N, C-alpha and C. Protein backbone atom coordinates (compact mmCIF):
# COMPACT_ATOMS: atom_id res chain seq x y z
N MET A 1 0.98 -0.89 -0.24
CA MET A 1 0.13 0.21 0.08
C MET A 1 0.92 1.39 -0.02
N PHE A 2 1.87 1.15 0.94
CA PHE A 2 2.60 2.32 1.17
C PHE A 2 3.81 2.40 1.14
N GLU A 3 4.59 2.24 -0.02
CA GLU A 3 6.36 1.95 0.21
C GLU A 3 6.68 2.43 0.41
N ILE A 4 8.06 2.59 1.51
CA ILE A 4 8.84 3.35 1.52
C ILE A 4 10.35 3.12 1.11
N THR A 5 11.21 3.18 -0.07
CA THR A 5 12.29 3.03 0.00
C THR A 5 13.15 2.30 0.78
N ASP A 6 14.20 1.96 0.95
CA ASP A 6 15.55 1.29 2.04
C ASP A 6 15.90 2.88 2.07
N GLU A 7 16.46 3.25 1.01
CA GLU A 7 17.49 4.69 1.42
C GLU A 7 16.56 5.73 2.35
N ALA A 8 15.20 5.50 1.72
CA ALA A 8 14.43 6.47 2.62
C ALA A 8 13.95 6.67 3.83
N GLN A 9 14.22 5.06 4.21
CA GLN A 9 13.87 4.55 5.45
C GLN A 9 15.21 4.97 6.20
N ILE A 10 16.24 4.86 5.90
CA ILE A 10 17.48 5.24 6.84
C ILE A 10 17.62 6.51 6.64
N TYR A 11 17.22 7.39 6.02
CA TYR A 11 17.16 8.68 5.98
C TYR A 11 16.03 9.12 7.13
N VAL A 12 14.51 8.68 6.99
CA VAL A 12 14.13 8.80 8.32
C VAL A 12 14.36 8.44 9.54
N ALA A 13 14.67 7.45 9.39
CA ALA A 13 15.01 6.91 10.85
C ALA A 13 16.13 7.25 11.33
N ASP A 14 17.29 8.20 10.41
CA ASP A 14 18.06 8.97 11.35
C ASP A 14 17.40 10.61 11.66
N LEU A 15 16.59 11.02 11.06
CA LEU A 15 15.62 11.71 11.72
C LEU A 15 15.05 11.49 12.81
N PHE A 16 14.89 10.42 13.14
CA PHE A 16 14.35 10.64 14.26
C PHE A 16 15.09 10.04 15.51
N ALA A 17 16.46 9.45 15.11
CA ALA A 17 17.74 9.29 15.98
C ALA A 17 18.14 10.53 16.46
N GLN A 18 17.56 12.16 15.71
CA GLN A 18 18.36 13.29 16.10
C GLN A 18 17.21 13.65 17.25
N GLN A 19 15.81 13.11 16.56
CA GLN A 19 15.02 13.75 17.78
C GLN A 19 15.08 13.26 19.14
N ASP A 20 16.20 12.10 19.60
CA ASP A 20 15.85 11.94 20.74
C ASP A 20 14.85 11.64 21.97
N GLU A 21 13.36 11.65 21.04
CA GLU A 21 12.32 11.01 21.86
C GLU A 21 11.99 9.18 21.47
N LYS A 22 11.41 9.22 22.76
CA LYS A 22 11.11 7.49 22.74
C LYS A 22 9.69 7.68 22.22
N ASP A 23 9.54 6.35 21.82
CA ASP A 23 7.83 6.55 21.32
C ASP A 23 7.45 7.60 20.03
N LEU A 24 8.22 8.16 19.33
CA LEU A 24 8.51 9.05 18.76
C LEU A 24 7.81 8.21 17.06
N GLY A 25 7.09 8.82 16.41
CA GLY A 25 6.45 8.16 14.82
C GLY A 25 5.81 8.94 13.98
N LEU A 26 6.23 8.39 12.72
CA LEU A 26 5.85 9.45 11.24
C LEU A 26 4.24 9.04 11.40
N LYS A 27 3.47 10.55 11.56
CA LYS A 27 2.35 10.32 10.78
C LYS A 27 1.94 10.69 9.49
N VAL A 28 1.45 9.88 8.80
CA VAL A 28 0.97 10.19 7.24
C VAL A 28 -0.24 10.34 7.02
N ASP A 29 -0.53 11.61 6.70
CA ASP A 29 -1.92 12.07 6.27
C ASP A 29 -1.76 12.66 4.83
N VAL A 30 -3.38 12.56 4.84
CA VAL A 30 -3.49 13.46 3.01
C VAL A 30 -4.57 14.40 3.02
N GLU A 31 -4.38 15.94 3.30
CA GLU A 31 -4.54 16.93 3.39
C GLU A 31 -5.56 17.03 2.02
N LYS A 32 -7.11 17.49 2.18
CA LYS A 32 -7.89 17.75 1.45
C LYS A 32 -7.58 16.47 0.01
N SER A 33 -8.10 15.01 0.37
CA SER A 33 -7.82 14.08 0.09
C SER A 33 -9.20 13.71 -1.04
N GLY A 34 -8.92 13.35 -2.09
CA GLY A 34 -9.59 13.36 -3.32
C GLY A 34 -9.90 14.11 -3.83
N THR A 35 -9.33 15.32 -3.62
CA THR A 35 -9.54 16.49 -4.42
C THR A 35 -7.85 17.04 -5.12
N PRO A 36 -8.22 18.10 -6.10
CA PRO A 36 -6.89 18.25 -7.01
C PRO A 36 -6.02 19.14 -6.08
N ALA A 37 -6.46 19.23 -4.93
CA ALA A 37 -5.35 20.50 -4.39
C ALA A 37 -5.19 19.65 -3.11
N ALA A 38 -5.04 18.14 -2.91
CA ALA A 38 -4.68 16.88 -2.11
C ALA A 38 -3.00 16.95 -1.58
N THR A 39 -2.80 16.99 -0.61
CA THR A 39 -1.15 17.00 -0.79
C THR A 39 -0.92 15.94 0.53
N VAL A 40 0.34 15.25 0.68
CA VAL A 40 0.10 14.18 1.73
C VAL A 40 1.38 14.82 2.22
N THR A 41 1.09 14.83 3.88
CA THR A 41 2.31 14.84 4.68
C THR A 41 2.70 14.54 5.96
N PHE A 42 3.87 14.41 6.30
CA PHE A 42 4.35 14.30 7.19
C PHE A 42 4.93 14.64 8.29
N ASN A 43 4.37 13.85 9.46
CA ASN A 43 5.02 14.55 11.02
C ASN A 43 5.02 13.66 12.04
N PHE A 44 5.86 14.48 12.99
CA PHE A 44 6.29 13.38 14.25
C PHE A 44 5.06 13.40 14.67
N CYS A 45 4.84 12.45 15.58
CA CYS A 45 4.11 12.17 16.18
C CYS A 45 3.59 11.00 17.03
N PHE A 46 3.28 10.88 18.44
CA PHE A 46 3.26 10.09 19.68
C PHE A 46 1.94 9.29 19.34
N ALA A 47 2.04 8.21 19.06
CA ALA A 47 1.01 7.12 19.04
C ALA A 47 -0.50 7.51 19.56
N LYS A 48 0.63 7.49 21.40
CA LYS A 48 -0.89 7.38 22.41
C LYS A 48 -1.92 8.95 21.64
N GLU A 49 -1.49 9.74 21.09
CA GLU A 49 -2.01 10.91 21.06
C GLU A 49 -3.02 10.76 19.66
N LEU A 50 -3.02 9.86 18.94
CA LEU A 50 -3.30 9.72 17.84
C LEU A 50 -5.02 8.43 17.96
N SER A 51 -5.83 8.98 17.37
CA SER A 51 -7.01 8.17 17.00
C SER A 51 -6.78 7.36 16.63
N GLU A 52 -8.37 6.16 17.31
CA GLU A 52 -8.01 5.08 16.96
C GLU A 52 -7.79 4.39 15.35
N SER A 53 -7.89 5.45 14.35
CA SER A 53 -8.34 5.18 13.16
C SER A 53 -7.15 5.31 12.17
N TYR A 54 -5.91 5.23 13.42
CA TYR A 54 -4.61 5.22 12.81
C TYR A 54 -4.19 3.70 12.77
N PHE A 55 -3.33 3.37 12.12
CA PHE A 55 -2.86 2.05 11.91
C PHE A 55 -1.38 2.20 12.27
N GLU A 56 -0.94 1.49 12.41
CA GLU A 56 0.82 1.27 12.67
C GLU A 56 1.31 0.67 11.81
N PHE A 57 2.48 0.77 10.83
CA PHE A 57 3.27 -0.06 10.30
C PHE A 57 4.70 0.32 10.35
N GLY A 58 5.54 -0.95 10.61
CA GLY A 58 6.67 -0.59 10.56
C GLY A 58 7.76 -1.00 9.84
N TYR A 59 8.52 0.00 9.84
CA TYR A 59 9.80 0.22 9.42
C TYR A 59 11.01 0.37 10.18
N LYS A 60 12.05 0.28 9.11
CA LYS A 60 13.49 0.16 9.46
C LYS A 60 13.75 1.30 10.60
N GLY A 61 13.79 1.23 11.73
CA GLY A 61 14.15 2.27 12.95
C GLY A 61 13.19 3.26 13.45
N PHE A 62 11.37 3.26 12.75
CA PHE A 62 10.80 3.96 12.68
C PHE A 62 9.11 3.08 12.53
N LYS A 63 8.51 3.75 12.79
CA LYS A 63 6.81 3.37 12.63
C LYS A 63 6.30 4.44 12.31
N ALA A 64 5.20 4.19 10.96
CA ALA A 64 4.61 4.83 10.71
C ALA A 64 3.04 4.60 10.96
N TYR A 65 2.68 5.61 11.03
CA TYR A 65 0.90 5.64 11.31
C TYR A 65 0.17 6.25 10.61
N ILE A 66 -0.88 5.75 10.04
CA ILE A 66 -1.71 5.78 9.01
C ILE A 66 -3.39 6.14 9.36
N ASP A 67 -3.91 6.98 9.08
CA ASP A 67 -5.34 7.15 8.88
C ASP A 67 -6.13 6.00 7.79
N GLU A 68 -6.79 5.25 8.62
CA GLU A 68 -7.60 4.43 8.00
C GLU A 68 -8.17 4.90 6.35
N ALA A 69 -9.24 6.10 7.11
CA ALA A 69 -9.55 7.05 5.66
C ALA A 69 -8.57 6.91 4.90
N ASN A 70 -7.58 7.05 5.03
CA ASN A 70 -6.69 7.33 3.50
C ASN A 70 -5.53 6.31 3.28
N PHE A 71 -6.34 5.28 2.90
CA PHE A 71 -5.71 3.81 2.63
C PHE A 71 -6.18 4.27 1.41
N ASP A 72 -6.99 3.89 0.72
CA ASP A 72 -7.46 4.32 -0.49
C ASP A 72 -6.81 5.16 -1.73
N TYR A 73 -6.25 6.33 -0.76
CA TYR A 73 -5.76 7.64 -1.44
C TYR A 73 -4.32 7.48 -1.20
N LEU A 74 -3.88 6.78 -0.72
CA LEU A 74 -2.41 6.01 -0.22
C LEU A 74 -1.67 4.66 -1.24
N LYS A 75 -2.98 4.16 -1.48
CA LYS A 75 -2.71 3.16 -2.39
C LYS A 75 -1.80 3.20 -3.50
N ASP A 76 -0.74 2.49 -3.48
CA ASP A 76 0.35 2.69 -4.38
C ASP A 76 1.19 3.71 -4.82
N SER A 77 1.24 4.07 -3.21
CA SER A 77 2.32 4.95 -2.77
C SER A 77 3.90 5.07 -3.16
N GLN A 78 4.39 5.57 -3.37
CA GLN A 78 5.85 5.51 -2.46
C GLN A 78 6.85 6.68 -2.14
N VAL A 79 7.54 6.52 -0.95
CA VAL A 79 8.35 7.40 -0.68
C VAL A 79 10.13 6.91 -1.16
N ALA A 80 10.68 8.19 -1.50
CA ALA A 80 11.91 7.71 -2.25
C ALA A 80 12.64 9.44 -1.39
N LEU A 81 14.08 8.75 -1.63
CA LEU A 81 15.17 9.87 -1.43
C LEU A 81 15.76 10.67 -2.50
N LYS A 82 15.56 11.78 -2.77
CA LYS A 82 16.10 12.40 -3.62
C LYS A 82 17.40 13.13 -3.72
N GLU A 83 18.55 13.14 -4.41
CA GLU A 83 19.24 14.05 -4.23
C GLU A 83 19.39 15.34 -4.60
N GLU A 84 19.12 16.33 -4.11
CA GLU A 84 19.11 18.00 -4.79
C GLU A 84 20.29 18.91 -3.91
N GLY A 85 21.41 18.82 -5.02
CA GLY A 85 22.25 19.78 -4.69
C GLY A 85 23.06 19.49 -3.92
N SER A 86 23.06 19.81 -2.96
CA SER A 86 24.11 19.15 -1.68
C SER A 86 23.34 18.72 -0.74
N GLY A 87 22.14 18.65 -0.62
CA GLY A 87 21.34 18.08 0.16
C GLY A 87 19.99 17.20 -0.05
N LYS A 88 19.46 16.31 0.64
CA LYS A 88 18.49 15.18 0.36
C LYS A 88 17.18 15.93 0.99
N LYS A 89 16.22 15.54 0.09
CA LYS A 89 14.68 15.16 0.53
C LYS A 89 14.05 14.04 0.04
N LEU A 90 12.82 13.89 0.61
CA LEU A 90 12.05 13.04 0.37
C LEU A 90 11.14 13.24 -0.45
N THR A 91 10.59 12.63 -1.19
CA THR A 91 9.79 12.70 -2.20
C THR A 91 8.50 11.66 -2.38
N ILE A 92 7.34 12.11 -2.46
CA ILE A 92 6.49 10.94 -2.88
C ILE A 92 5.41 11.21 -3.72
N THR A 93 5.34 10.26 -4.16
CA THR A 93 4.81 9.55 -5.44
C THR A 93 3.35 8.91 -5.05
N ALA A 94 2.22 9.77 -5.02
CA ALA A 94 0.69 9.09 -4.54
C ALA A 94 -0.44 9.56 -5.14
N PRO A 95 -0.04 8.46 -6.21
CA PRO A 95 -1.34 8.80 -7.63
C PRO A 95 -2.51 8.75 -7.44
N ASN A 96 -3.04 8.19 -6.02
CA ASN A 96 -4.66 7.70 -6.14
C ASN A 96 -4.83 8.98 -5.24
N ALA A 97 -3.87 9.82 -4.39
CA ALA A 97 -4.28 10.83 -3.52
C ALA A 97 -5.25 12.13 -4.19
N LYS A 98 -5.43 12.78 -5.19
CA LYS A 98 -6.05 13.45 -5.52
C LYS A 98 -7.56 13.23 -5.77
N GLY A 99 -7.98 12.05 -6.01
CA GLY A 99 -8.96 11.22 -7.07
C GLY A 99 -8.76 11.11 -8.30
N GLU A 100 -10.12 11.07 -8.84
CA GLU A 100 -10.34 11.64 -10.40
C GLU A 100 -11.17 12.56 -10.64
N ALA A 101 -10.73 12.96 -11.81
CA ALA A 101 -11.80 14.34 -12.32
C ALA A 101 -13.29 13.46 -12.91
N PRO A 102 -14.39 14.00 -12.16
CA PRO A 102 -15.56 13.78 -12.20
C PRO A 102 -15.67 13.50 -14.35
N LYS A 103 -16.23 12.18 -14.29
CA LYS A 103 -16.66 11.84 -16.05
C LYS A 103 -17.83 12.81 -16.51
N ASP A 104 -17.76 12.83 -18.03
CA ASP A 104 -18.66 13.62 -18.42
C ASP A 104 -20.19 13.64 -17.93
N ASP A 105 -20.96 12.29 -17.52
CA ASP A 105 -21.90 12.44 -16.95
C ASP A 105 -22.23 12.45 -15.56
N ALA A 106 -20.96 12.72 -14.74
CA ALA A 106 -21.41 13.04 -13.42
C ALA A 106 -22.04 14.04 -13.07
N PRO A 107 -22.98 13.71 -11.87
CA PRO A 107 -23.73 15.21 -11.94
C PRO A 107 -23.04 16.26 -11.46
N LEU A 108 -23.72 17.77 -11.84
CA LEU A 108 -23.13 19.26 -12.25
C LEU A 108 -22.60 19.12 -11.41
N ALA A 109 -23.17 19.35 -10.06
CA ALA A 109 -22.90 19.92 -8.94
C ALA A 109 -21.38 19.17 -8.43
N GLU A 110 -21.30 17.69 -8.99
CA GLU A 110 -19.79 17.26 -8.48
C GLU A 110 -18.44 18.19 -9.55
N LYS A 111 -19.10 18.13 -10.90
CA LYS A 111 -18.17 18.81 -11.64
C LYS A 111 -18.13 20.30 -11.59
N ILE A 112 -18.49 21.02 -10.86
CA ILE A 112 -18.72 22.17 -10.49
C ILE A 112 -17.68 22.18 -9.04
N LYS A 113 -17.61 21.72 -7.98
CA LYS A 113 -17.13 21.33 -6.94
C LYS A 113 -15.64 21.12 -7.48
N TYR A 114 -15.39 19.81 -8.25
CA TYR A 114 -14.25 19.87 -8.55
C TYR A 114 -13.64 20.87 -9.43
N THR A 115 -13.81 21.38 -10.25
CA THR A 115 -13.30 22.96 -11.29
C THR A 115 -12.86 23.78 -9.92
N ILE A 116 -13.84 24.28 -9.30
CA ILE A 116 -13.81 25.18 -8.16
C ILE A 116 -12.28 24.74 -7.36
N ALA A 117 -12.39 23.40 -6.64
CA ALA A 117 -11.20 23.01 -6.23
C ALA A 117 -9.99 23.00 -7.26
N ALA A 118 -9.91 22.55 -8.21
CA ALA A 118 -8.86 22.41 -9.42
C ALA A 118 -8.16 23.55 -9.99
N GLU A 119 -9.02 24.43 -9.83
CA GLU A 119 -8.97 25.83 -10.84
C GLU A 119 -9.25 27.04 -10.35
N VAL A 120 -10.09 26.97 -9.47
CA VAL A 120 -10.86 28.49 -9.36
C VAL A 120 -9.85 28.88 -8.14
N ASN A 121 -10.20 27.80 -6.72
CA ASN A 121 -9.85 28.20 -5.40
C ASN A 121 -8.24 28.86 -5.11
N PRO A 122 -7.67 27.68 -6.27
CA PRO A 122 -5.92 27.97 -6.40
C PRO A 122 -5.59 29.24 -6.50
N GLN A 123 -6.28 29.56 -7.29
CA GLN A 123 -6.39 31.32 -8.12
C GLN A 123 -6.29 32.16 -7.02
N LEU A 124 -7.95 32.29 -6.49
CA LEU A 124 -8.59 32.84 -5.37
C LEU A 124 -7.76 33.23 -4.06
N ALA A 125 -6.76 31.55 -3.64
CA ALA A 125 -5.78 31.69 -2.59
C ALA A 125 -4.90 32.79 -2.86
N SER A 126 -4.69 32.97 -3.56
CA SER A 126 -3.31 33.63 -3.56
C SER A 126 -3.75 35.03 -3.02
N HIS A 127 -5.01 35.78 -2.93
CA HIS A 127 -5.58 36.92 -2.39
C HIS A 127 -6.16 36.76 -1.49
N GLY A 128 -5.79 35.22 -0.59
CA GLY A 128 -6.71 35.24 0.61
C GLY A 128 -8.04 34.51 0.45
N GLY A 129 -9.03 34.50 -0.80
CA GLY A 129 -9.81 34.04 -0.81
C GLY A 129 -9.97 32.55 -1.06
N PHE A 130 -11.26 32.50 -1.27
CA PHE A 130 -12.02 31.21 -2.17
C PHE A 130 -13.59 31.32 -2.32
N VAL A 131 -14.19 30.80 -3.09
CA VAL A 131 -15.09 30.08 -3.15
C VAL A 131 -15.71 29.06 -3.40
N GLU A 132 -17.17 28.83 -2.77
CA GLU A 132 -17.69 27.23 -2.93
C GLU A 132 -19.18 27.38 -3.25
N LEU A 133 -19.50 26.28 -3.57
CA LEU A 133 -20.55 26.11 -4.63
C LEU A 133 -22.03 26.13 -3.05
N VAL A 134 -22.94 27.15 -3.37
CA VAL A 134 -24.44 26.44 -2.57
C VAL A 134 -25.36 26.00 -2.84
N GLU A 135 -25.57 26.22 -4.14
CA GLU A 135 -27.00 25.52 -4.62
C GLU A 135 -26.72 25.38 -5.90
N ILE A 136 -27.86 24.88 -6.73
CA ILE A 136 -28.31 24.93 -8.33
C ILE A 136 -29.46 24.65 -8.10
N THR A 137 -30.02 25.76 -8.35
CA THR A 137 -31.50 26.20 -7.94
C THR A 137 -32.17 25.60 -9.37
N ASP A 138 -33.43 25.19 -9.63
CA ASP A 138 -33.97 24.34 -10.70
C ASP A 138 -34.16 25.36 -11.82
N ALA A 139 -34.02 26.59 -11.36
CA ALA A 139 -33.68 27.31 -12.79
C ALA A 139 -32.33 27.03 -13.53
N MET A 140 -31.58 26.07 -13.02
CA MET A 140 -30.02 26.21 -13.10
C MET A 140 -28.90 27.29 -12.86
N ASP A 141 -29.20 27.95 -12.19
CA ASP A 141 -28.54 29.38 -11.62
C ASP A 141 -27.62 28.37 -11.01
N VAL A 142 -26.53 28.57 -10.55
CA VAL A 142 -25.14 28.59 -10.07
C VAL A 142 -24.84 29.16 -8.83
N VAL A 143 -25.49 29.08 -7.36
CA VAL A 143 -25.12 29.93 -6.27
C VAL A 143 -23.53 29.56 -6.02
N LEU A 144 -22.99 30.52 -5.96
CA LEU A 144 -21.58 30.54 -4.88
C LEU A 144 -21.25 31.50 -4.06
N ASN A 145 -20.77 31.06 -3.41
CA ASN A 145 -20.31 31.83 -1.97
C ASN A 145 -18.98 31.80 -1.72
N PHE A 146 -18.41 33.54 -1.87
CA PHE A 146 -17.24 33.80 -1.87
C PHE A 146 -16.44 34.26 -0.18
N GLY A 147 -15.32 33.98 -0.32
CA GLY A 147 -15.45 33.71 1.27
C GLY A 147 -13.37 34.25 1.74
N GLY A 148 -12.92 34.39 2.94
CA GLY A 148 -12.13 34.98 3.29
C GLY A 148 -11.94 36.20 2.53
N GLY A 149 -10.88 36.31 1.58
CA GLY A 149 -10.02 37.85 1.23
C GLY A 149 -11.38 38.11 0.39
N CYS A 150 -11.98 37.05 -0.22
CA CYS A 150 -12.85 37.53 -0.97
C CYS A 150 -14.33 38.58 -0.54
N GLN A 151 -14.43 37.86 0.74
CA GLN A 151 -15.52 38.57 1.77
C GLN A 151 -15.85 39.74 1.77
N GLY A 152 -16.66 40.39 1.38
CA GLY A 152 -16.31 42.03 1.00
C GLY A 152 -15.64 42.85 0.14
N CYS A 153 -14.97 41.87 -0.65
CA CYS A 153 -13.92 42.34 -1.95
C CYS A 153 -14.77 43.08 -2.80
N HIS A 154 -14.47 44.68 -3.26
CA HIS A 154 -15.48 45.08 -4.18
C HIS A 154 -15.49 44.14 -5.77
N SER A 155 -14.12 43.74 -5.61
CA SER A 155 -14.05 43.63 -7.00
C SER A 155 -14.03 41.62 -7.21
N LYS A 156 -15.19 41.41 -6.21
CA LYS A 156 -15.36 39.84 -6.37
C LYS A 156 -16.41 39.51 -7.57
N THR A 157 -17.27 40.08 -7.50
CA THR A 157 -18.24 40.23 -8.74
C THR A 157 -17.64 40.63 -10.22
N ILE A 158 -16.30 41.49 -10.15
CA ILE A 158 -15.74 40.92 -11.32
C ILE A 158 -14.73 39.99 -11.75
N ALA A 159 -14.14 39.85 -10.08
CA ALA A 159 -13.02 37.83 -10.39
C ALA A 159 -14.25 37.36 -10.80
N ALA A 160 -15.58 37.37 -10.53
CA ALA A 160 -16.63 35.77 -10.39
C ALA A 160 -16.76 35.53 -12.07
N CYS A 161 -16.69 36.62 -12.52
CA CYS A 161 -17.67 36.85 -13.93
C CYS A 161 -16.38 36.67 -14.97
N SER A 162 -15.50 37.42 -14.46
CA SER A 162 -14.07 37.16 -15.66
C SER A 162 -13.56 35.84 -15.43
N PHE A 163 -13.62 35.23 -14.00
CA PHE A 163 -12.50 33.97 -13.82
C PHE A 163 -13.62 32.80 -13.55
N SER A 164 -13.91 32.99 -12.42
CA SER A 164 -14.43 31.91 -11.82
C SER A 164 -16.04 31.10 -13.00
N SER A 165 -16.63 32.34 -13.35
CA SER A 165 -17.58 31.87 -13.90
C SER A 165 -17.13 31.49 -15.63
N SER A 166 -15.78 32.37 -15.64
CA SER A 166 -15.77 31.35 -17.06
C SER A 166 -15.44 30.16 -17.12
N ARG A 167 -14.24 29.94 -16.20
CA ARG A 167 -14.05 28.51 -15.96
C ARG A 167 -14.93 27.86 -15.58
N LEU A 168 -15.97 27.93 -15.07
CA LEU A 168 -17.18 26.85 -14.80
C LEU A 168 -17.64 26.71 -15.99
N CYS A 169 -17.81 27.46 -16.44
CA CYS A 169 -18.63 27.80 -18.02
C CYS A 169 -17.98 26.65 -18.95
N ALA A 170 -16.44 27.39 -19.24
CA ALA A 170 -15.71 26.36 -20.45
C ALA A 170 -15.70 25.18 -20.24
N LYS A 171 -15.53 24.57 -18.33
CA LYS A 171 -15.36 23.32 -17.95
C LYS A 171 -16.56 22.20 -17.99
N ILE A 172 -17.63 22.89 -17.58
CA ILE A 172 -18.34 22.53 -16.83
C ILE A 172 -19.93 22.45 -18.03
N PHE A 173 -20.45 23.70 -18.54
CA PHE A 173 -21.55 23.97 -18.82
C PHE A 173 -21.45 23.87 -20.35
N ALA A 174 -20.74 23.47 -20.91
CA ALA A 174 -20.61 23.36 -22.43
C ALA A 174 -21.51 22.12 -22.87
N ASN A 175 -22.08 21.11 -21.78
CA ASN A 175 -23.21 20.35 -22.16
C ASN A 175 -24.90 20.77 -21.57
N SER A 176 -24.42 21.64 -21.06
CA SER A 176 -25.61 22.43 -19.92
C SER A 176 -25.76 23.69 -20.12
N PRO A 177 -25.81 24.63 -21.75
CA PRO A 177 -26.12 25.64 -21.99
C PRO A 177 -26.99 26.49 -21.20
N SER A 178 -28.06 25.98 -20.36
CA SER A 178 -29.37 26.96 -19.48
C SER A 178 -28.50 27.21 -18.31
N ALA A 179 -27.61 26.75 -17.70
CA ALA A 179 -27.36 26.81 -16.46
C ALA A 179 -25.96 28.68 -16.81
N GLN A 180 -26.03 29.20 -15.71
CA GLN A 180 -25.04 30.42 -15.50
C GLN A 180 -24.89 30.54 -14.09
N ALA A 181 -24.29 31.37 -13.84
CA ALA A 181 -23.82 31.56 -12.68
C ALA A 181 -24.11 32.64 -11.94
N SER A 182 -24.45 32.66 -10.34
CA SER A 182 -25.37 33.99 -10.15
C SER A 182 -24.24 34.19 -8.80
N ILE A 183 -24.19 35.26 -8.47
CA ILE A 183 -23.22 36.06 -7.52
C ILE A 183 -23.89 36.11 -6.22
N ARG A 184 -23.18 35.67 -5.06
CA ARG A 184 -24.14 35.86 -3.41
C ARG A 184 -23.03 36.46 -2.67
């Protein structure tokens, strides 16, 4: 399920040795799993502080703990050690962490949420903002909620029309010409 190369295991075990803490483990999580913004994180942890949903995996010189909810997202993952310049860093390949883009026949709400997560929110995040789907009305109006840095921003209407709506329309509404975005 979750492979750590021998070279990476030695590197991580050395990091643990430098911490001089008994019972210290490696907590492996997937933040925003199943979305285009998913990232795999590694943190030091103590097993006694983790919930029962975390399972223990033994490696050379340390133990890793993975939440059962992340098993599918970490399937076929590999952690390797990469030499970069004069240093080394861990790299992870997690082909299932981000999930898959919705198919053409997926529900409209699913396509909108995915496009927002994949394309719109990463751009808005650079300004401290985000957008989320509130509802799709019977009249096929797509109601979006802007938050964070977008809250109260006088440019949100312009931003929504020029970026969010155009992205959503181009990606999603090609097969639903009667749908349109509304800003709230």
